[in-house]
Amino acid sequence: MNRKKIILEIGFLILLLIGTIIILNRQPPFRTDDGMIFGTMYQITYQSNKELKNQIEEELKKVDFSLSPFNKKSVITKVNQNQDVPLDTMFTHVFNLAQKVSQNTNGAFDITVAPLVNAWGFGFKHDITPDSTAIDSLKTFIGYKKVRLENGKVIKDDPRIMLDCSAIAKGYGVDIVAGFLDSKGIQNYMVNIGGEIVVKGKNPKMNNWHIGINKPEEDSLSISQDIETVLSLTNKGMATSGNYRNFYYKGGKRYAHTIDPRSGYPVQHSILSATVLANDCATADAYATSFMVMGLDSAMNFCREHPEIDAYFICAGEGDKFDLQYTEGMSRYLVKKKY
C-alpha cells in the first residue's frame, strides 16, 4: 500500500469520524402540534426527531372517553346514568385525587357539584335562576362524602348524584400527555390544554419556559390576551381559574361560573383569578378552582400549610386597579420584567 493511499484512507476515516460526531451532537428539532380537545384548544411543543401528533391525540381521546360528560359513551356518563360500568384507571385516579382535594379543602372542591352547575346555567343546559327552595333541594344530593369507590364500583348515597370532573380532568389530560412524552424519552416540552400547562426541561432557546398570566378582564369570548405577569418555569404543573370570563348577567347581577358546593351559590369573592403551581397539572387545576371558592385569606392560609403548592392571585382593587397577592414561594418564578 503506497503512502498516498494510506493518507487518503486516513483522511476518509477522519471525515467519517467528524461526520459521526456532528450527527451525534445534532439536537432534535422542536415541534409544535395544536388542535381541539375537550372543547378547547391545545398546543404542545416538544423536542423530538419524530412527529407524535397522532399518538398524542390518541392519548387525549382516552381521557375524553373516560372523563367527558359530553361523551355519551364515556365512563363518567355511564356512572352518572347509574349503569354498571367497569372503571378504568384514569377515572379511578381522578376520582381519588378529587376526593383528596375535597378533604383537604373542607368541601370547597367537590365533583358532585354538577346539578348545581346545571341549575345556575353553566353546565349542559341553561335554566332559570334557581331560588333558595330549589338550591336546598339540590343540596340533598350534593357532597363528596355521599359518593365513594368500593370494589371497583362507584357507590352513591343517592342515585341522583352526578359527577363533574371538569375542574380537574383538563389538567389530568395535560399530565397524561406529559407522561406519554416522558415515555418517549423527550426531555424538553410544554403541554398546554386551554391554559392548563405542564413544562419540563428547557424551551427552544434552552431557557426555562416563560408562561404568562392573563389580566382578568371581562372577556367572555376570551379575545383579550393581555398579560399581567410572566413566570419562569420548568418541571411544573400550572393551572388558572377565574370568574371573569365565564359568567352571565341576570337582573343586573353578574353570576360567576365558580359555584360553592357547600352553599349552593356562586362565590362573591375579591379574587378574579387564581394561578396555582404544583408537581402535576391535575392537582394545580383542582386547587385553582378550590381557591376561587375559598377566597383569598383561606387560600393563602392553605398554601402556608402546604408549601408544595404555590399560588398567584389577581384580586379586585381600588377603581380599575388590581390587587396582586402571591405566596412566598411564587416569588422565585416571577420574571423581573414589565409586560
Protein backbone atom coordinates (compact mmCIF):
# COMPACT_ATOMS: atom_id res chain seq x y z
CA MET A 1 0.00 0.00 0.00
CA ASN A 2 1.58 3.28 -1.06
CA ARG A 3 1.84 6.32 1.12
CA LYS A 4 -0.70 8.37 -0.86
CA LYS A 5 -3.36 5.70 -0.49
CA ILE A 6 -2.72 5.48 3.27
CA ILE A 7 -3.12 9.24 3.59
CA LEU A 8 -6.39 9.14 1.63
CA GLU A 9 -7.77 6.36 3.81
CA ILE A 10 -6.77 8.18 6.99
CA GLY A 11 -8.43 11.34 5.66
CA PHE A 12 -11.58 9.41 4.86
CA LEU A 13 -11.65 7.94 8.37
CA ILE A 14 -11.19 11.38 9.89
CA LEU A 15 -14.08 12.79 7.82
CA LEU A 16 -16.22 9.82 8.80
CA LEU A 17 -15.41 10.40 12.48
CA ILE A 18 -16.20 14.10 12.21
CA GLY A 19 -19.49 13.34 10.47
CA THR A 20 -20.42 10.84 13.16
CA ILE A 21 -19.65 13.36 15.91
CA ILE A 22 -21.77 16.00 14.17
CA ILE A 23 -24.70 13.60 13.83
CA LEU A 24 -24.45 12.53 17.47
CA ASN A 25 -24.28 16.13 18.69
CA ARG A 26 -27.10 17.37 16.47
CA GLN A 27 -30.10 18.24 18.65
CA PRO A 28 -33.57 17.05 17.62
CA PRO A 29 -35.82 19.87 16.40
CA PHE A 30 -38.64 21.38 18.44
CA ARG A 31 -42.09 20.64 17.06
CA THR A 32 -45.45 22.21 17.84
CA ASP A 33 -48.73 20.36 17.47
CA ASP A 34 -52.12 22.01 18.02
CA GLY A 35 -55.78 21.23 17.69
CA MET A 36 -59.04 20.94 19.61
CA ILE A 37 -59.87 18.67 22.54
CA PHE A 38 -62.33 18.88 25.46
CA GLY A 39 -63.99 21.84 23.72
CA THR A 40 -60.83 23.95 23.88
CA MET A 41 -57.52 24.48 22.10
CA TYR A 42 -54.39 22.50 22.83
CA GLN A 43 -50.80 23.35 21.90
CA ILE A 44 -47.89 21.01 22.56
CA THR A 45 -44.26 21.94 21.90
CA TYR A 46 -41.67 19.18 22.26
CA GLN A 47 -38.15 18.32 21.13
CA SER A 48 -38.17 15.15 19.09
CA ASN A 49 -37.00 13.67 15.81
CA LYS A 50 -40.42 12.10 15.39
CA GLU A 51 -43.84 13.63 14.72
CA LEU A 52 -46.11 12.43 17.55
CA LYS A 53 -49.38 14.32 16.97
CA ASN A 54 -51.47 11.25 16.12
CA GLN A 55 -50.25 9.37 19.18
CA ILE A 56 -50.79 12.41 21.40
CA GLU A 57 -54.38 12.73 20.19
CA GLU A 58 -54.95 9.03 20.88
CA GLU A 59 -53.93 9.65 24.50
CA LEU A 60 -56.29 12.62 24.72
CA LYS A 61 -59.15 10.55 23.29
CA LYS A 62 -58.63 8.05 26.10
CA VAL A 63 -59.12 10.83 28.64
CA ASP A 64 -62.23 12.03 26.81
CA PHE A 65 -63.66 8.51 26.73
CA SER A 66 -63.12 8.20 30.47
CA LEU A 67 -63.97 11.62 31.91
CA SER A 68 -66.02 13.72 29.48
CA PRO A 69 -69.69 14.12 30.49
CA PHE A 70 -70.38 15.28 26.93
CA ASN A 71 -69.23 11.94 25.51
CA LYS A 72 -72.32 9.70 25.60
CA LYS A 73 -70.14 6.59 25.78
CA SER A 74 -67.70 7.79 28.43
CA VAL A 75 -67.21 6.09 31.77
CA ILE A 76 -68.37 9.15 33.71
CA THR A 77 -71.55 9.43 31.61
CA LYS A 78 -72.42 5.82 32.41
CA VAL A 79 -71.66 6.41 36.09
CA ASN A 80 -74.00 9.41 36.06
CA GLN A 81 -76.66 7.24 34.43
CA ASN A 82 -76.18 4.64 37.19
CA GLN A 83 -75.09 1.99 34.72
CA ASP A 84 -72.97 -0.92 35.88
CA VAL A 85 -69.72 0.10 34.17
CA PRO A 86 -66.16 -1.10 34.80
CA LEU A 87 -63.97 1.80 35.91
CA ASP A 88 -60.72 2.43 34.08
CA THR A 89 -57.50 3.59 35.73
CA MET A 90 -57.99 7.17 34.53
CA PHE A 91 -61.38 7.54 36.15
CA THR A 92 -60.17 5.90 39.36
CA HIS A 93 -57.08 8.11 39.61
CA VAL A 94 -59.02 11.34 39.05
CA PHE A 95 -61.81 10.30 41.43
CA ASN A 96 -59.34 9.52 44.23
CA LEU A 97 -57.38 12.74 43.67
CA ALA A 98 -60.60 14.77 43.65
CA GLN A 99 -61.69 13.21 46.93
CA LYS A 100 -58.31 14.01 48.47
CA VAL A 101 -58.54 17.67 47.41
CA SER A 102 -62.12 17.81 48.71
CA GLN A 103 -60.98 16.57 52.11
CA ASN A 104 -58.05 19.00 52.19
CA THR A 105 -60.29 21.97 51.34
CA ASN A 106 -63.25 21.00 53.54
CA GLY A 107 -65.51 20.57 50.53
CA ALA A 108 -64.58 23.72 48.59
CA PHE A 109 -63.75 21.29 45.79
CA ASP A 110 -66.47 18.74 45.05
CA ILE A 111 -67.05 16.63 41.94
CA THR A 112 -70.72 16.10 42.85
CA VAL A 113 -71.41 19.78 42.11
CA ALA A 114 -72.81 19.09 38.59
CA PRO A 115 -76.55 19.58 39.42
CA LEU A 116 -75.78 22.97 40.96
CA VAL A 117 -73.68 23.94 37.95
CA ASN A 118 -76.53 22.94 35.66
CA ALA A 119 -79.10 24.78 37.75
CA TRP A 120 -77.11 28.00 37.50
CA GLY A 121 -76.84 27.60 33.74
CA PHE A 122 -73.14 26.81 33.25
CA GLY A 123 -73.31 23.10 32.55
CA PHE A 124 -75.14 21.08 29.94
CA LYS A 125 -78.16 23.37 29.69
CA HIS A 126 -79.35 26.87 30.58
CA ASP A 127 -82.12 27.14 33.10
CA ILE A 128 -83.88 29.84 35.07
CA THR A 129 -82.06 31.26 38.08
CA PRO A 130 -82.79 28.85 40.94
CA ASP A 131 -84.46 30.10 44.10
CA SER A 132 -83.50 29.10 47.64
CA THR A 133 -86.01 26.25 47.68
CA ALA A 134 -84.51 24.75 44.53
CA ILE A 135 -80.97 25.13 45.90
CA ASP A 136 -81.91 23.45 49.19
CA SER A 137 -83.49 20.59 47.26
CA LEU A 138 -80.39 20.09 45.10
CA LYS A 139 -78.07 20.18 48.11
CA THR A 140 -79.67 16.99 49.43
CA PHE A 141 -77.69 15.06 46.83
CA ILE A 142 -74.56 17.26 46.68
CA GLY A 143 -71.48 16.39 48.69
CA TYR A 144 -68.26 14.49 48.15
CA LYS A 145 -68.89 12.40 51.27
CA LYS A 146 -72.01 10.95 49.63
CA VAL A 147 -70.04 9.07 46.96
CA ARG A 148 -67.14 6.59 47.17
CA LEU A 149 -65.38 3.70 45.47
CA GLU A 150 -65.96 0.16 46.68
CA ASN A 151 -64.63 -2.94 44.93
CA GLY A 152 -64.05 -1.04 41.71
CA LYS A 153 -67.54 0.48 41.66
CA VAL A 154 -68.92 3.96 42.33
CA ILE A 155 -71.28 3.83 45.29
CA LYS A 156 -73.75 6.71 45.67
CA ASP A 157 -75.85 7.52 48.71
CA ASP A 158 -78.46 8.87 46.28
CA PRO A 159 -78.88 7.75 42.64
CA ARG A 160 -79.45 11.38 41.61
CA ILE A 161 -75.81 12.21 42.42
CA MET A 162 -73.90 13.29 39.32
CA LEU A 163 -70.14 13.64 38.94
CA ASP A 164 -68.50 16.58 37.17
CA CYS A 165 -64.72 16.37 36.74
CA SER A 166 -64.43 19.48 34.56
CA ALA A 167 -62.33 21.28 37.20
CA ILE A 168 -59.68 18.56 37.23
CA ALA A 169 -59.99 16.47 34.03
CA LYS A 170 -58.36 19.04 31.73
CA GLY A 171 -55.34 19.23 33.99
CA TYR A 172 -55.24 15.46 34.12
CA GLY A 173 -55.27 15.35 30.32
CA VAL A 174 -52.17 17.57 30.37
CA ASP A 175 -50.50 15.13 32.76
CA ILE A 176 -51.37 12.19 30.50
CA VAL A 177 -49.70 13.85 27.51
CA ALA A 178 -46.68 14.78 29.64
CA GLY A 179 -46.39 11.17 30.78
CA PHE A 180 -46.59 9.99 27.19
CA LEU A 181 -43.78 12.35 26.17
CA ASP A 182 -41.73 11.12 29.12
CA SER A 183 -42.24 7.55 27.93
CA LYS A 184 -40.72 8.54 24.58
CA GLY A 185 -37.62 9.88 26.29
CA ILE A 186 -38.46 13.50 25.48
CA GLN A 187 -36.82 15.81 27.99
CA ASN A 188 -37.93 19.27 26.82
CA TYR A 189 -41.60 20.07 26.30
CA MET A 190 -44.60 22.24 27.09
CA VAL A 191 -48.13 20.83 27.12
CA ASN A 192 -50.93 23.42 27.10
CA ILE A 193 -54.61 22.49 27.05
CA GLY A 194 -56.83 25.53 27.40
CA GLY A 195 -54.37 27.28 29.69
CA GLU A 196 -53.63 24.28 31.90
CA ILE A 197 -49.93 23.59 31.47
CA VAL A 198 -47.05 21.25 32.24
CA VAL A 199 -43.50 22.23 31.34
CA LYS A 200 -40.35 20.15 31.55
CA GLY A 201 -36.73 20.87 30.74
CA LYS A 202 -35.97 23.85 28.51
CA ASN A 203 -37.65 25.84 25.75
CA PRO A 204 -36.23 26.07 22.17
CA LYS A 205 -33.81 28.80 23.34
CA MET A 206 -32.59 26.44 26.08
CA ASN A 207 -34.03 28.65 28.81
CA ASN A 208 -36.81 27.98 31.29
CA TRP A 209 -40.27 28.16 29.79
CA HIS A 210 -41.89 31.60 30.13
CA ILE A 211 -45.62 31.35 30.82
CA GLY A 212 -47.86 34.41 31.00
CA ILE A 213 -50.76 35.01 33.38
CA ASN A 214 -53.55 36.92 31.64
CA LYS A 215 -55.06 40.06 33.05
CA PRO A 216 -58.55 39.35 34.42
CA GLU A 217 -60.66 41.40 32.05
CA GLU A 218 -64.37 40.91 31.46
CA ASP A 219 -63.92 38.93 28.28
CA SER A 220 -66.41 36.08 27.92
CA LEU A 221 -65.16 35.30 24.38
CA SER A 222 -61.50 35.05 25.52
CA ILE A 223 -60.46 37.56 22.85
CA SER A 224 -58.19 39.65 25.06
CA GLN A 225 -54.82 38.13 25.90
CA ASP A 226 -53.18 40.97 27.83
CA ILE A 227 -50.51 39.67 30.20
CA GLU A 228 -50.35 40.69 33.85
CA THR A 229 -47.12 38.88 34.70
CA VAL A 230 -44.82 36.13 33.43
CA LEU A 231 -43.49 33.06 35.23
CA SER A 232 -40.21 31.30 34.51
CA LEU A 233 -40.91 27.59 34.95
CA THR A 234 -39.52 24.12 34.46
CA ASN A 235 -40.74 20.75 35.71
CA LYS A 236 -44.04 22.16 37.00
CA GLY A 237 -47.78 21.90 36.51
CA MET A 238 -49.74 25.15 36.28
CA ALA A 239 -53.44 25.95 36.16
CA THR A 240 -55.51 29.14 36.31
CA SER A 241 -59.12 29.55 37.36
CA GLY A 242 -61.03 32.80 37.07
CA ASN A 243 -64.59 34.06 37.40
CA TYR A 244 -64.14 36.93 34.94
CA ARG A 245 -64.67 35.05 31.65
CA ASN A 246 -67.43 32.54 32.37
CA PHE A 247 -70.42 34.46 33.68
CA TYR A 248 -73.77 35.87 32.74
CA TYR A 249 -75.90 38.81 33.84
CA LYS A 250 -79.44 38.44 35.10
CA GLY A 251 -81.44 41.14 36.83
CA GLY A 252 -78.43 43.45 36.71
CA LYS A 253 -76.30 41.00 38.70
CA ARG A 254 -73.24 39.09 37.45
CA TYR A 255 -73.22 35.36 38.22
CA ALA A 256 -69.78 33.74 38.24
CA HIS A 257 -69.06 30.24 36.98
CA THR A 258 -67.45 29.21 40.29
CA ILE A 259 -70.11 27.59 42.46
CA ASP A 260 -69.53 26.95 46.15
CA PRO A 261 -70.68 23.33 46.64
CA ARG A 262 -71.28 24.00 50.33
CA SER A 263 -73.63 26.98 49.96
CA GLY A 264 -75.02 26.13 46.54
CA TYR A 265 -74.45 29.68 45.27
CA PRO A 266 -71.87 31.40 43.04
CA VAL A 267 -68.97 32.81 45.00
CA GLN A 268 -68.71 36.52 45.73
CA HIS A 269 -65.01 37.00 46.49
CA SER A 270 -62.43 39.61 45.52
CA ILE A 271 -60.32 37.02 43.66
CA LEU A 272 -60.59 37.49 39.90
CA SER A 273 -58.14 34.75 39.03
CA ALA A 274 -56.08 32.15 40.87
CA THR A 275 -52.98 30.62 39.28
CA VAL A 276 -51.58 27.56 41.02
CA LEU A 277 -48.27 25.71 40.65
CA ALA A 278 -47.95 22.08 41.71
CA ASN A 279 -45.96 19.00 40.80
CA ASP A 280 -48.73 17.89 38.42
CA CYS A 281 -51.38 19.77 36.48
CA ALA A 282 -54.43 17.88 37.78
CA THR A 283 -53.56 18.93 41.33
CA ALA A 284 -52.95 22.52 40.24
CA ASP A 285 -56.26 22.50 38.34
CA ALA A 286 -58.26 21.30 41.33
CA TYR A 287 -56.71 23.73 43.79
CA ALA A 288 -57.12 26.69 41.42
CA THR A 289 -60.87 26.05 41.47
CA SER A 290 -60.82 25.42 45.22
CA PHE A 291 -59.12 28.75 45.91
CA MET A 292 -61.72 30.63 43.88
CA VAL A 293 -64.32 29.13 46.20
CA MET A 294 -62.34 29.61 49.42
CA GLY A 295 -61.43 33.26 48.99
CA LEU A 296 -58.06 34.98 49.41
CA ASP A 297 -57.43 34.66 53.15
CA SER A 298 -58.34 30.97 53.36
CA ALA A 299 -56.40 30.18 50.17
CA MET A 300 -53.26 31.92 51.40
CA ASN A 301 -53.50 30.15 54.76
CA PHE A 302 -53.87 26.84 52.95
CA CYS A 303 -50.72 27.48 50.91
CA ARG A 304 -48.76 28.33 54.04
CA GLU A 305 -49.73 24.95 55.45
CA HIS A 306 -48.95 23.20 52.14
CA PRO A 307 -45.65 24.65 50.85
CA GLU A 308 -45.71 22.23 47.90
CA ILE A 309 -48.47 24.45 46.47
CA ASP A 310 -47.76 27.98 45.25
CA ALA A 311 -50.35 30.47 44.05
CA TYR A 312 -50.66 33.88 42.40
CA PHE A 313 -53.91 35.79 42.95
CA ILE A 314 -55.23 38.74 40.97
CA CYS A 315 -57.90 40.46 43.04
CA ALA A 316 -60.19 43.41 42.55
CA GLY A 317 -58.53 46.57 43.83
CA GLU A 318 -59.42 50.22 44.08
CA GLY A 319 -61.03 51.58 40.93
CA ASP A 320 -59.69 49.82 37.87
CA LYS A 321 -56.54 48.62 39.63
CA PHE A 322 -55.69 45.04 40.53
CA ASP A 323 -54.51 43.85 43.92
CA LEU A 324 -51.78 41.24 43.35
CA GLN A 325 -51.15 38.66 46.06
CA TYR A 326 -48.91 35.60 45.91
CA THR A 327 -47.25 33.04 48.10
CA GLU A 328 -43.67 33.45 49.25
CA GLY A 329 -42.58 30.51 47.09
CA MET A 330 -44.13 32.02 43.97
CA SER A 331 -41.69 34.94 44.03
CA ARG A 332 -38.87 32.70 42.75
CA TYR A 333 -40.76 32.13 39.49
CA LEU A 334 -41.65 35.75 38.68
CA VAL A 335 -39.84 37.24 35.68
CA LYS A 336 -38.44 40.60 36.71
CA LYS A 337 -39.68 42.46 33.67
CA LYS A 338 -42.70 44.66 32.99
CA TYR A 339 -45.00 43.24 30.31
